[in-house]
N, C-alpha and C. Protein backbone atom coordinates (compact mmCIF):
# COMPACT_ATOMS: atom_id res chain seq x y z
N UNK A 1 30.30 11.47 -15.38
CA UNK A 1 29.04 12.13 -15.71
C UNK A 1 27.94 11.12 -16.03
N UNK A 2 28.34 10.01 -16.71
CA UNK A 2 27.35 8.99 -17.06
C UNK A 2 26.76 8.35 -15.80
N UNK A 3 27.62 8.05 -14.82
CA UNK A 3 27.14 7.46 -13.57
C UNK A 3 26.25 8.44 -12.81
N UNK A 4 26.62 9.71 -12.85
CA UNK A 4 25.82 10.73 -12.16
C UNK A 4 24.45 10.85 -12.82
N UNK A 5 24.42 10.74 -14.14
CA UNK A 5 23.14 10.80 -14.85
C UNK A 5 22.25 9.63 -14.46
N UNK A 6 22.85 8.44 -14.31
CA UNK A 6 22.07 7.28 -13.89
C UNK A 6 21.49 7.46 -12.50
N UNK A 7 22.29 8.03 -11.60
CA UNK A 7 21.80 8.29 -10.25
C UNK A 7 20.64 9.28 -10.27
N UNK A 8 20.72 10.26 -11.13
CA UNK A 8 19.64 11.25 -11.22
C UNK A 8 18.36 10.60 -11.74
N UNK A 9 18.53 9.63 -12.65
CA UNK A 9 17.35 8.90 -13.14
C UNK A 9 16.72 8.11 -11.99
N UNK A 10 17.56 7.44 -11.18
CA UNK A 10 17.05 6.72 -10.01
C UNK A 10 16.33 7.67 -9.05
N UNK A 11 16.89 8.85 -8.88
CA UNK A 11 16.29 9.84 -7.98
C UNK A 11 14.92 10.27 -8.51
N UNK A 12 14.82 10.46 -9.82
CA UNK A 12 13.53 10.84 -10.42
C UNK A 12 12.50 9.73 -10.21
N UNK A 13 12.92 8.47 -10.39
CA UNK A 13 12.01 7.35 -10.19
C UNK A 13 11.55 7.26 -8.73
N UNK A 14 12.47 7.50 -7.79
CA UNK A 14 12.10 7.50 -6.38
C UNK A 14 11.14 8.64 -6.06
N UNK A 15 11.37 9.80 -6.66
CA UNK A 15 10.47 10.93 -6.46
C UNK A 15 9.07 10.62 -6.99
N UNK A 16 9.03 9.97 -8.17
CA UNK A 16 7.74 9.59 -8.74
C UNK A 16 7.02 8.62 -7.80
N UNK A 17 7.77 7.64 -7.27
CA UNK A 17 7.18 6.69 -6.34
C UNK A 17 6.69 7.35 -5.07
N UNK A 18 7.50 8.28 -4.55
CA UNK A 18 7.18 8.99 -3.31
C UNK A 18 5.90 9.81 -3.46
N UNK A 19 5.90 10.73 -4.45
CA UNK A 19 4.74 11.60 -4.64
C UNK A 19 3.54 10.83 -5.17
N UNK A 20 3.81 9.79 -6.00
CA UNK A 20 2.71 8.98 -6.51
C UNK A 20 1.98 8.25 -5.40
N UNK A 21 2.75 7.69 -4.46
CA UNK A 21 2.13 6.98 -3.34
C UNK A 21 1.30 7.92 -2.47
N UNK A 22 1.81 9.12 -2.24
CA UNK A 22 1.07 10.10 -1.44
C UNK A 22 -0.23 10.50 -2.15
N UNK A 23 -0.14 10.74 -3.46
CA UNK A 23 -1.33 11.14 -4.23
C UNK A 23 -2.36 10.03 -4.25
N UNK A 24 -1.90 8.79 -4.47
CA UNK A 24 -2.83 7.65 -4.51
C UNK A 24 -3.54 7.48 -3.18
N UNK A 25 -2.80 7.58 -2.07
CA UNK A 25 -3.42 7.42 -0.76
C UNK A 25 -4.37 8.58 -0.44
N UNK A 26 -4.03 9.78 -0.92
CA UNK A 26 -4.93 10.92 -0.72
C UNK A 26 -6.23 10.70 -1.49
N UNK A 27 -6.12 10.25 -2.74
CA UNK A 27 -7.31 9.98 -3.54
C UNK A 27 -8.12 8.85 -2.93
N UNK A 28 -7.42 7.84 -2.41
CA UNK A 28 -8.10 6.72 -1.76
C UNK A 28 -8.88 7.21 -0.54
N UNK A 29 -8.29 8.15 0.20
CA UNK A 29 -8.96 8.72 1.37
C UNK A 29 -10.22 9.48 0.94
N UNK A 30 -10.12 10.28 -0.11
CA UNK A 30 -11.27 11.04 -0.60
C UNK A 30 -12.39 10.11 -1.06
N UNK A 31 -12.01 9.06 -1.82
CA UNK A 31 -13.00 8.10 -2.31
C UNK A 31 -13.73 7.43 -1.14
N UNK A 32 -13.00 7.10 -0.08
CA UNK A 32 -13.64 6.44 1.06
C UNK A 32 -14.51 7.39 1.87
N UNK A 33 -14.14 8.65 1.92
CA UNK A 33 -15.02 9.64 2.58
C UNK A 33 -16.35 9.72 1.84
N UNK A 34 -16.29 9.77 0.50
CA UNK A 34 -17.51 9.82 -0.30
C UNK A 34 -18.30 8.52 -0.17
N UNK A 35 -17.58 7.37 -0.09
CA UNK A 35 -18.25 6.09 0.07
C UNK A 35 -18.95 5.99 1.42
N UNK A 36 -18.32 6.53 2.46
CA UNK A 36 -18.97 6.54 3.78
C UNK A 36 -20.24 7.38 3.76
N UNK A 37 -20.18 8.52 3.10
CA UNK A 37 -21.34 9.41 3.04
C UNK A 37 -22.47 8.78 2.23
N UNK A 38 -22.12 8.17 1.09
CA UNK A 38 -23.15 7.68 0.17
C UNK A 38 -23.64 6.27 0.54
N UNK A 39 -22.72 5.37 0.96
CA UNK A 39 -23.09 3.96 1.14
C UNK A 39 -22.83 3.42 2.55
N UNK A 40 -22.30 4.25 3.46
CA UNK A 40 -21.97 3.80 4.82
C UNK A 40 -20.98 2.63 4.81
N UNK A 41 -19.98 2.69 3.94
CA UNK A 41 -18.97 1.65 3.88
C UNK A 41 -17.67 2.23 3.33
N UNK A 42 -16.56 1.54 3.61
CA UNK A 42 -15.27 1.96 3.05
C UNK A 42 -14.75 0.85 2.15
N UNK A 43 -13.96 1.22 1.13
CA UNK A 43 -13.40 0.29 0.17
C UNK A 43 -11.99 -0.12 0.62
N UNK A 44 -11.73 -1.42 0.68
CA UNK A 44 -10.41 -1.90 1.11
C UNK A 44 -9.90 -3.00 0.18
N UNK A 45 -10.35 -3.01 -1.07
CA UNK A 45 -10.05 -4.13 -1.97
C UNK A 45 -8.60 -4.19 -2.41
N UNK A 46 -7.78 -3.16 -2.13
CA UNK A 46 -6.38 -3.17 -2.53
C UNK A 46 -5.45 -3.56 -1.37
N UNK A 47 -6.02 -3.98 -0.25
CA UNK A 47 -5.21 -4.25 0.92
C UNK A 47 -4.85 -5.73 1.02
N UNK A 48 -4.68 -6.22 2.24
CA UNK A 48 -4.14 -7.55 2.52
C UNK A 48 -5.00 -8.68 1.95
N UNK A 49 -4.42 -9.57 1.10
CA UNK A 49 -5.13 -10.78 0.66
C UNK A 49 -4.96 -11.90 1.67
N UNK A 50 -5.90 -12.83 1.68
CA UNK A 50 -5.84 -13.97 2.60
C UNK A 50 -5.87 -15.26 1.79
N UNK A 51 -4.97 -16.20 2.11
CA UNK A 51 -4.94 -17.50 1.46
C UNK A 51 -5.59 -18.55 2.35
N UNK A 52 -6.48 -19.35 1.76
CA UNK A 52 -7.16 -20.42 2.49
C UNK A 52 -7.00 -21.73 1.74
N UNK A 53 -6.80 -22.80 2.49
CA UNK A 53 -6.85 -24.12 1.87
C UNK A 53 -8.31 -24.57 1.84
N UNK A 54 -8.69 -25.23 0.74
CA UNK A 54 -10.09 -25.59 0.51
C UNK A 54 -10.23 -27.10 0.54
N UNK A 55 -11.19 -27.59 1.29
CA UNK A 55 -11.47 -29.01 1.32
C UNK A 55 -12.34 -29.38 0.12
N UNK A 56 -11.82 -30.30 -0.73
CA UNK A 56 -12.58 -30.74 -1.91
C UNK A 56 -13.25 -32.06 -1.57
N UNK A 57 -14.58 -32.06 -1.49
CA UNK A 57 -15.30 -33.24 -1.04
C UNK A 57 -16.14 -33.89 -2.15
N UNK A 58 -16.50 -33.15 -3.17
CA UNK A 58 -17.47 -33.63 -4.13
C UNK A 58 -16.85 -34.18 -5.41
N UNK A 59 -15.53 -34.24 -5.48
CA UNK A 59 -14.88 -34.67 -6.71
C UNK A 59 -14.74 -36.19 -6.71
N UNK A 60 -15.20 -36.85 -7.78
CA UNK A 60 -15.18 -38.31 -7.87
C UNK A 60 -13.96 -38.75 -8.67
N UNK A 61 -12.94 -39.29 -7.96
CA UNK A 61 -11.72 -39.72 -8.62
C UNK A 61 -11.89 -41.11 -9.26
N UNK A 62 -12.86 -41.88 -8.78
CA UNK A 62 -13.01 -43.26 -9.25
C UNK A 62 -13.28 -43.33 -10.75
N UNK A 63 -13.99 -42.34 -11.26
CA UNK A 63 -14.33 -42.33 -12.68
C UNK A 63 -13.12 -42.02 -13.56
N UNK A 64 -12.08 -41.47 -12.96
CA UNK A 64 -10.93 -41.03 -13.75
C UNK A 64 -9.76 -42.00 -13.68
N UNK A 65 -9.65 -42.79 -12.61
CA UNK A 65 -8.42 -43.52 -12.37
C UNK A 65 -8.12 -44.59 -13.42
N UNK A 66 -9.15 -45.07 -14.14
CA UNK A 66 -8.93 -46.08 -15.18
C UNK A 66 -8.41 -45.48 -16.49
N UNK A 67 -8.47 -44.16 -16.59
CA UNK A 67 -8.12 -43.52 -17.86
C UNK A 67 -6.95 -42.54 -17.73
N UNK A 68 -6.76 -41.99 -16.55
CA UNK A 68 -5.77 -40.93 -16.38
C UNK A 68 -4.87 -41.22 -15.18
N UNK A 69 -3.64 -40.70 -15.28
CA UNK A 69 -2.80 -40.60 -14.09
C UNK A 69 -2.82 -39.15 -13.68
N UNK A 70 -2.91 -38.89 -12.41
CA UNK A 70 -3.03 -37.50 -11.98
C UNK A 70 -2.47 -37.35 -10.57
N UNK A 71 -2.21 -36.11 -10.23
CA UNK A 71 -1.69 -35.78 -8.91
C UNK A 71 -2.54 -34.67 -8.33
N UNK A 72 -2.95 -34.82 -7.09
CA UNK A 72 -3.77 -33.82 -6.41
C UNK A 72 -3.02 -33.32 -5.18
N UNK A 73 -2.88 -32.02 -5.05
CA UNK A 73 -2.25 -31.46 -3.86
C UNK A 73 -3.11 -31.74 -2.63
N UNK A 74 -2.50 -31.55 -1.46
CA UNK A 74 -3.24 -31.78 -0.21
C UNK A 74 -4.52 -30.96 -0.16
N UNK A 75 -4.41 -29.70 -0.54
CA UNK A 75 -5.60 -28.84 -0.57
C UNK A 75 -5.32 -27.66 -1.49
N UNK A 76 -6.23 -27.39 -2.42
CA UNK A 76 -6.04 -26.20 -3.27
C UNK A 76 -6.13 -24.93 -2.43
N UNK A 77 -5.49 -23.88 -2.95
CA UNK A 77 -5.46 -22.61 -2.22
C UNK A 77 -6.42 -21.61 -2.85
N UNK A 78 -7.23 -21.01 -2.02
CA UNK A 78 -8.16 -19.97 -2.45
C UNK A 78 -7.70 -18.65 -1.84
N UNK A 79 -7.51 -17.63 -2.67
CA UNK A 79 -7.09 -16.31 -2.19
C UNK A 79 -8.29 -15.39 -2.16
N UNK A 80 -8.55 -14.81 -1.00
CA UNK A 80 -9.67 -13.89 -0.82
C UNK A 80 -9.17 -12.49 -0.50
N UNK A 81 -9.88 -11.51 -1.02
CA UNK A 81 -9.58 -10.12 -0.70
C UNK A 81 -10.86 -9.44 -0.20
N UNK A 82 -10.75 -8.85 0.96
CA UNK A 82 -11.87 -8.10 1.49
C UNK A 82 -12.09 -6.86 0.62
N UNK A 83 -13.32 -6.65 0.14
CA UNK A 83 -13.59 -5.55 -0.78
C UNK A 83 -14.15 -4.32 -0.09
N UNK A 84 -14.99 -4.51 0.91
CA UNK A 84 -15.61 -3.36 1.56
C UNK A 84 -15.93 -3.70 3.01
N UNK A 85 -16.00 -2.66 3.83
CA UNK A 85 -16.33 -2.81 5.24
C UNK A 85 -17.46 -1.85 5.57
N UNK A 86 -18.53 -2.39 6.12
CA UNK A 86 -19.67 -1.54 6.48
C UNK A 86 -19.32 -0.69 7.70
N UNK A 87 -19.93 0.46 7.77
CA UNK A 87 -19.66 1.40 8.86
C UNK A 87 -19.92 0.77 10.22
N UNK A 88 -20.95 -0.05 10.32
CA UNK A 88 -21.31 -0.68 11.60
C UNK A 88 -20.25 -1.69 12.07
N UNK A 89 -19.37 -2.14 11.14
CA UNK A 89 -18.35 -3.14 11.48
C UNK A 89 -16.97 -2.52 11.76
N UNK A 90 -16.85 -1.21 11.65
CA UNK A 90 -15.55 -0.57 11.77
C UNK A 90 -14.91 -0.73 13.15
N UNK A 91 -15.72 -0.92 14.16
CA UNK A 91 -15.18 -1.02 15.53
C UNK A 91 -14.85 -2.45 15.93
N UNK A 92 -15.07 -3.43 15.05
CA UNK A 92 -14.79 -4.82 15.42
C UNK A 92 -13.28 -5.05 15.46
N UNK A 93 -12.80 -5.94 16.35
CA UNK A 93 -11.35 -6.19 16.47
C UNK A 93 -10.71 -6.63 15.16
N UNK A 94 -11.41 -7.48 14.38
CA UNK A 94 -10.86 -7.95 13.11
C UNK A 94 -10.62 -6.79 12.15
N UNK A 95 -11.60 -5.93 12.02
CA UNK A 95 -11.49 -4.79 11.09
C UNK A 95 -10.42 -3.82 11.56
N UNK A 96 -10.37 -3.55 12.86
CA UNK A 96 -9.35 -2.63 13.39
C UNK A 96 -7.95 -3.18 13.14
N UNK A 97 -7.75 -4.49 13.34
CA UNK A 97 -6.44 -5.10 13.08
C UNK A 97 -6.12 -5.07 11.59
N UNK A 98 -7.12 -5.34 10.76
CA UNK A 98 -6.95 -5.33 9.31
C UNK A 98 -6.51 -3.95 8.84
N UNK A 99 -7.18 -2.89 9.33
CA UNK A 99 -6.83 -1.52 8.93
C UNK A 99 -5.46 -1.13 9.49
N UNK A 100 -5.15 -1.58 10.71
CA UNK A 100 -3.84 -1.29 11.30
C UNK A 100 -2.72 -1.87 10.44
N UNK A 101 -2.88 -3.12 9.99
CA UNK A 101 -1.88 -3.77 9.14
C UNK A 101 -1.71 -2.99 7.84
N UNK A 102 -2.82 -2.54 7.25
CA UNK A 102 -2.74 -1.79 5.99
C UNK A 102 -2.01 -0.46 6.19
N UNK A 103 -2.35 0.25 7.25
CA UNK A 103 -1.71 1.55 7.52
C UNK A 103 -0.24 1.36 7.86
N UNK A 104 0.08 0.30 8.62
CA UNK A 104 1.47 0.01 8.96
C UNK A 104 2.30 -0.24 7.71
N UNK A 105 1.77 -1.03 6.79
CA UNK A 105 2.47 -1.30 5.54
C UNK A 105 2.72 -0.04 4.73
N UNK A 106 1.71 0.83 4.69
CA UNK A 106 1.85 2.09 3.96
C UNK A 106 2.93 2.97 4.59
N UNK A 107 2.92 3.08 5.92
CA UNK A 107 3.89 3.94 6.61
C UNK A 107 5.32 3.42 6.43
N UNK A 108 5.51 2.10 6.51
CA UNK A 108 6.84 1.53 6.34
C UNK A 108 7.35 1.78 4.93
N UNK A 109 6.49 1.57 3.93
CA UNK A 109 6.88 1.81 2.53
C UNK A 109 7.24 3.27 2.32
N UNK A 110 6.44 4.19 2.86
CA UNK A 110 6.69 5.61 2.69
C UNK A 110 8.00 6.02 3.37
N UNK A 111 8.26 5.47 4.55
CA UNK A 111 9.49 5.82 5.28
C UNK A 111 10.72 5.29 4.56
N UNK A 112 10.63 4.08 4.00
CA UNK A 112 11.75 3.54 3.25
C UNK A 112 12.03 4.36 1.99
N UNK A 113 10.98 4.79 1.31
CA UNK A 113 11.17 5.66 0.13
C UNK A 113 11.85 6.96 0.53
N UNK A 114 11.46 7.49 1.69
CA UNK A 114 12.08 8.73 2.18
C UNK A 114 13.58 8.53 2.40
N UNK A 115 13.95 7.42 3.03
CA UNK A 115 15.37 7.14 3.28
C UNK A 115 16.14 6.96 1.97
N UNK A 116 15.54 6.26 1.01
CA UNK A 116 16.19 6.07 -0.29
C UNK A 116 16.40 7.41 -1.00
N UNK A 117 15.38 8.28 -0.97
CA UNK A 117 15.48 9.59 -1.63
C UNK A 117 16.61 10.41 -1.02
N UNK A 118 16.67 10.43 0.30
CA UNK A 118 17.72 11.19 0.98
C UNK A 118 19.10 10.62 0.68
N UNK A 119 19.19 9.28 0.64
CA UNK A 119 20.47 8.62 0.36
C UNK A 119 20.96 8.97 -1.05
N UNK A 120 20.09 8.83 -2.04
CA UNK A 120 20.47 9.13 -3.44
C UNK A 120 20.80 10.61 -3.60
N UNK A 121 20.06 11.49 -2.92
CA UNK A 121 20.34 12.93 -3.01
C UNK A 121 21.73 13.25 -2.50
N UNK A 122 22.10 12.63 -1.39
CA UNK A 122 23.45 12.87 -0.83
C UNK A 122 24.54 12.34 -1.77
N UNK A 123 24.29 11.17 -2.37
CA UNK A 123 25.29 10.60 -3.29
C UNK A 123 25.45 11.50 -4.51
N UNK A 124 24.34 12.02 -5.04
CA UNK A 124 24.41 12.94 -6.18
C UNK A 124 25.20 14.19 -5.81
N UNK A 125 25.03 14.65 -4.57
CA UNK A 125 25.77 15.83 -4.09
C UNK A 125 27.20 15.48 -3.66
N UNK A 126 27.62 14.24 -3.96
CA UNK A 126 28.97 13.74 -3.66
C UNK A 126 29.26 13.66 -2.17
N UNK A 127 28.20 13.53 -1.38
CA UNK A 127 28.34 13.26 0.05
C UNK A 127 28.03 11.78 0.24
N UNK A 128 29.03 10.96 -0.10
CA UNK A 128 28.79 9.52 -0.20
C UNK A 128 29.09 8.80 1.11
N UNK A 129 30.35 8.77 1.51
CA UNK A 129 30.75 8.04 2.71
C UNK A 129 30.59 8.94 3.93
N UNK A 130 29.33 9.06 4.37
CA UNK A 130 29.01 9.88 5.53
C UNK A 130 28.34 9.01 6.58
N UNK A 131 28.39 9.47 7.81
CA UNK A 131 27.80 8.70 8.91
C UNK A 131 26.29 8.60 8.75
N UNK A 132 25.66 9.65 8.23
CA UNK A 132 24.21 9.63 8.06
C UNK A 132 23.79 8.59 7.02
N UNK A 133 24.61 8.41 5.97
CA UNK A 133 24.29 7.39 4.97
C UNK A 133 24.46 5.99 5.55
N UNK A 134 25.45 5.80 6.40
CA UNK A 134 25.62 4.51 7.08
C UNK A 134 24.38 4.21 7.93
N UNK A 135 23.90 5.21 8.66
CA UNK A 135 22.73 5.02 9.51
C UNK A 135 21.48 4.73 8.68
N UNK A 136 21.36 5.40 7.53
CA UNK A 136 20.20 5.15 6.66
C UNK A 136 20.18 3.72 6.16
N UNK A 137 21.33 3.24 5.69
CA UNK A 137 21.41 1.87 5.18
C UNK A 137 21.14 0.85 6.28
N UNK A 138 21.68 1.12 7.46
CA UNK A 138 21.43 0.21 8.59
C UNK A 138 19.94 0.18 8.94
N UNK A 139 19.32 1.34 8.96
CA UNK A 139 17.92 1.43 9.32
C UNK A 139 17.05 0.69 8.30
N UNK A 140 17.36 0.86 7.01
CA UNK A 140 16.62 0.14 5.97
C UNK A 140 16.79 -1.36 6.15
N UNK A 141 18.03 -1.81 6.42
CA UNK A 141 18.29 -3.23 6.62
C UNK A 141 17.55 -3.79 7.82
N UNK A 142 17.60 -3.07 8.95
CA UNK A 142 16.90 -3.54 10.15
C UNK A 142 15.39 -3.56 9.94
N UNK A 143 14.86 -2.58 9.18
CA UNK A 143 13.43 -2.56 8.90
C UNK A 143 13.02 -3.77 8.06
N UNK A 144 13.87 -4.14 7.08
CA UNK A 144 13.58 -5.32 6.26
C UNK A 144 13.55 -6.58 7.13
N UNK A 145 14.55 -6.73 8.00
CA UNK A 145 14.61 -7.91 8.86
C UNK A 145 13.48 -7.92 9.89
N UNK A 146 13.10 -6.72 10.35
CA UNK A 146 12.03 -6.63 11.33
C UNK A 146 10.68 -7.07 10.75
N UNK A 147 10.56 -7.02 9.42
CA UNK A 147 9.31 -7.44 8.79
C UNK A 147 9.04 -8.92 9.00
N UNK A 148 10.08 -9.72 9.28
CA UNK A 148 9.87 -11.16 9.51
C UNK A 148 9.09 -11.41 10.80
N UNK A 149 9.57 -10.93 11.98
CA UNK A 149 8.76 -11.14 13.19
C UNK A 149 7.43 -10.39 13.15
N UNK A 150 7.41 -9.21 12.53
CA UNK A 150 6.14 -8.48 12.42
C UNK A 150 5.15 -9.28 11.59
N UNK A 151 5.62 -9.85 10.48
CA UNK A 151 4.75 -10.67 9.64
C UNK A 151 4.22 -11.88 10.37
N UNK A 152 5.06 -12.52 11.18
CA UNK A 152 4.62 -13.69 11.95
C UNK A 152 3.51 -13.30 12.93
N UNK A 153 3.68 -12.18 13.62
CA UNK A 153 2.65 -11.71 14.55
C UNK A 153 1.35 -11.40 13.81
N UNK A 154 1.46 -10.74 12.65
CA UNK A 154 0.27 -10.41 11.86
C UNK A 154 -0.48 -11.68 11.46
N UNK A 155 0.26 -12.69 10.97
CA UNK A 155 -0.37 -13.94 10.57
C UNK A 155 -1.02 -14.65 11.76
N UNK A 156 -0.34 -14.65 12.91
CA UNK A 156 -0.88 -15.33 14.08
C UNK A 156 -2.17 -14.68 14.56
N UNK A 157 -2.22 -13.35 14.53
CA UNK A 157 -3.44 -12.65 14.96
C UNK A 157 -4.58 -12.93 13.99
N UNK A 158 -4.30 -12.91 12.68
CA UNK A 158 -5.34 -13.23 11.71
C UNK A 158 -5.80 -14.68 11.88
N UNK A 159 -4.88 -15.59 12.18
CA UNK A 159 -5.25 -16.98 12.43
C UNK A 159 -6.19 -17.07 13.61
N UNK A 160 -5.91 -16.31 14.66
CA UNK A 160 -6.78 -16.29 15.84
C UNK A 160 -8.19 -15.86 15.45
N UNK A 161 -8.29 -14.79 14.65
CA UNK A 161 -9.61 -14.30 14.25
C UNK A 161 -10.37 -15.33 13.42
N UNK A 162 -9.67 -15.97 12.48
CA UNK A 162 -10.36 -16.91 11.60
C UNK A 162 -10.72 -18.21 12.31
N UNK A 163 -9.92 -18.62 13.30
CA UNK A 163 -10.20 -19.86 14.01
C UNK A 163 -11.22 -19.66 15.12
N UNK A 164 -11.04 -18.61 15.90
CA UNK A 164 -11.90 -18.39 17.07
C UNK A 164 -13.15 -17.57 16.76
N UNK A 165 -13.12 -16.84 15.68
CA UNK A 165 -14.30 -16.06 15.28
C UNK A 165 -14.55 -16.32 13.81
N UNK A 166 -14.99 -17.53 13.46
CA UNK A 166 -15.13 -17.90 12.05
C UNK A 166 -16.12 -16.99 11.33
N UNK A 167 -15.66 -16.40 10.23
CA UNK A 167 -16.53 -15.53 9.44
C UNK A 167 -16.68 -16.07 8.02
N UNK A 168 -16.11 -17.28 7.80
CA UNK A 168 -16.17 -17.88 6.47
C UNK A 168 -16.73 -19.29 6.56
N UNK A 169 -16.86 -19.92 5.39
CA UNK A 169 -17.35 -21.29 5.33
C UNK A 169 -16.41 -22.23 6.09
N UNK A 170 -16.97 -23.26 6.74
CA UNK A 170 -16.17 -24.19 7.53
C UNK A 170 -15.20 -25.01 6.68
N UNK A 171 -15.45 -25.08 5.37
CA UNK A 171 -14.56 -25.86 4.51
C UNK A 171 -13.28 -25.11 4.19
N UNK A 172 -13.19 -23.83 4.60
CA UNK A 172 -12.01 -23.03 4.36
C UNK A 172 -11.13 -23.00 5.61
N UNK A 173 -9.84 -23.17 5.41
CA UNK A 173 -8.89 -23.13 6.51
C UNK A 173 -7.80 -22.12 6.19
N UNK A 174 -7.61 -21.14 7.07
CA UNK A 174 -6.61 -20.09 6.83
C UNK A 174 -5.22 -20.71 6.71
N UNK A 175 -4.54 -20.37 5.61
CA UNK A 175 -3.24 -20.99 5.33
C UNK A 175 -2.20 -19.94 4.97
N UNK A 176 -1.75 -19.15 5.95
CA UNK A 176 -0.73 -18.14 5.65
C UNK A 176 0.60 -18.79 5.27
N UNK A 177 1.30 -18.17 4.35
CA UNK A 177 2.59 -18.71 3.91
C UNK A 177 3.71 -18.03 4.70
N UNK A 178 4.10 -18.69 5.80
CA UNK A 178 5.15 -18.12 6.64
C UNK A 178 6.50 -18.09 5.92
N UNK A 179 6.71 -19.02 5.01
CA UNK A 179 8.01 -19.11 4.31
C UNK A 179 8.27 -17.87 3.47
N UNK A 180 7.21 -17.23 2.96
CA UNK A 180 7.41 -16.05 2.11
C UNK A 180 8.01 -14.88 2.89
N UNK A 181 7.89 -14.92 4.22
CA UNK A 181 8.49 -13.87 5.04
C UNK A 181 10.02 -13.89 4.95
N UNK A 182 10.58 -15.06 4.61
CA UNK A 182 12.03 -15.16 4.48
C UNK A 182 12.55 -14.38 3.27
N UNK A 183 11.64 -13.94 2.39
CA UNK A 183 12.05 -13.10 1.26
C UNK A 183 12.67 -11.79 1.73
N UNK A 184 12.34 -11.40 2.97
CA UNK A 184 12.88 -10.16 3.52
C UNK A 184 14.31 -10.35 4.04
N UNK A 185 14.74 -11.60 4.21
CA UNK A 185 16.03 -11.87 4.83
C UNK A 185 17.20 -11.41 3.96
N UNK A 186 17.20 -11.80 2.69
CA UNK A 186 18.33 -11.47 1.80
C UNK A 186 18.51 -9.96 1.62
N UNK A 187 17.45 -9.20 1.24
CA UNK A 187 17.65 -7.76 1.11
C UNK A 187 18.04 -7.08 2.41
N UNK A 188 17.50 -7.57 3.54
CA UNK A 188 17.86 -6.98 4.82
C UNK A 188 19.34 -7.14 5.12
N UNK A 189 19.85 -8.35 4.90
CA UNK A 189 21.28 -8.60 5.12
C UNK A 189 22.14 -7.81 4.13
N UNK A 190 21.67 -7.68 2.89
CA UNK A 190 22.43 -6.93 1.89
C UNK A 190 22.59 -5.47 2.31
N UNK A 191 21.51 -4.86 2.80
CA UNK A 191 21.60 -3.47 3.23
C UNK A 191 22.54 -3.32 4.42
N UNK A 192 22.53 -4.29 5.33
CA UNK A 192 23.45 -4.23 6.46
C UNK A 192 24.91 -4.38 6.00
N UNK A 193 25.14 -5.23 4.99
CA UNK A 193 26.48 -5.36 4.44
C UNK A 193 26.92 -4.06 3.77
N UNK A 194 26.00 -3.46 2.99
CA UNK A 194 26.31 -2.17 2.35
C UNK A 194 26.62 -1.11 3.41
N UNK A 195 25.86 -1.17 4.51
CA UNK A 195 26.11 -0.21 5.60
C UNK A 195 27.51 -0.40 6.17
N UNK A 196 27.93 -1.67 6.31
CA UNK A 196 29.29 -1.94 6.79
C UNK A 196 30.34 -1.43 5.82
N UNK A 197 30.10 -1.60 4.52
CA UNK A 197 31.05 -1.11 3.50
C UNK A 197 31.13 0.42 3.55
N UNK A 198 29.98 1.07 3.65
CA UNK A 198 29.97 2.53 3.71
C UNK A 198 30.61 3.03 5.00
N UNK A 199 30.43 2.28 6.08
CA UNK A 199 31.06 2.66 7.34
C UNK A 199 32.59 2.56 7.24
N UNK A 200 33.06 1.51 6.54
CA UNK A 200 34.49 1.37 6.31
C UNK A 200 35.02 2.53 5.46
N UNK A 201 34.26 2.90 4.42
CA UNK A 201 34.64 4.03 3.59
C UNK A 201 34.65 5.33 4.38
N UNK A 202 33.67 5.46 5.28
CA UNK A 202 33.61 6.66 6.12
C UNK A 202 34.83 6.76 7.02
N UNK A 203 35.24 5.63 7.61
CA UNK A 203 36.42 5.63 8.49
C UNK A 203 37.70 5.95 7.72
N UNK A 204 37.82 5.39 6.51
CA UNK A 204 38.98 5.71 5.67
C UNK A 204 39.02 7.19 5.33
N UNK A 205 37.86 7.74 5.03
CA UNK A 205 37.77 9.17 4.70
C UNK A 205 38.18 10.02 5.89
N UNK A 206 37.75 9.61 7.08
CA UNK A 206 38.12 10.33 8.30
C UNK A 206 39.64 10.30 8.50
N UNK A 207 40.25 9.14 8.28
CA UNK A 207 41.71 9.00 8.44
C UNK A 207 42.46 9.86 7.42
N UNK A 208 41.97 9.89 6.18
CA UNK A 208 42.60 10.71 5.14
C UNK A 208 42.48 12.19 5.47
N UNK A 209 41.32 12.59 6.00
CA UNK A 209 41.13 14.00 6.35
C UNK A 209 42.10 14.40 7.46
N UNK A 210 42.40 13.49 8.38
CA UNK A 210 43.30 13.79 9.50
C UNK A 210 44.76 13.89 9.05
N UNK A 211 45.08 13.15 7.98
CA UNK A 211 46.48 13.17 7.51
C UNK A 211 46.77 14.34 6.58
N UNK A 212 45.72 15.02 6.14
CA UNK A 212 45.95 16.18 5.24
C UNK A 212 46.29 17.42 6.05
């Protein structure tokens, strides 16, 4: 009973995340409709941040070297977030790609929450080692791993826009962190391992059902 109660708490948290995300995106949609009507622009300040390396040219190290020891990185990182997009710019390739990435991230998150909710609901109903649960875990794992090549493509396209269509100061250089995409590797493999364990449990259950 204690374990079942814990699962129900997880289910409640997933439900809160599921409905909360839908409500937030609905409110965000309403706010942007009003912003388009009133100011001819949409708000996107909660979406994709961009990291840039900054060239430091005006700092005089000569005055400091006799008094201090210090270390300077190759280039400091500046993180920028796009706050608003004017209506006249909505059809530009950069903005369309930017909005596509934001919508894609939202859809993937929502779909994963849906799979988690269904998985926990089945476990609470004691439908644990089932083929559908194996498929859910596999799908979640593959989606996590798929985020690595998707992330690389997203970064490469943004690099193209910033290099070939410069919209910022020349002292800024787009510096996406490709290594952070590897954060998706461990959870993706874990879900695939869990899927294998559940598949083994499903096969054992099938064999037991046949022997009864």
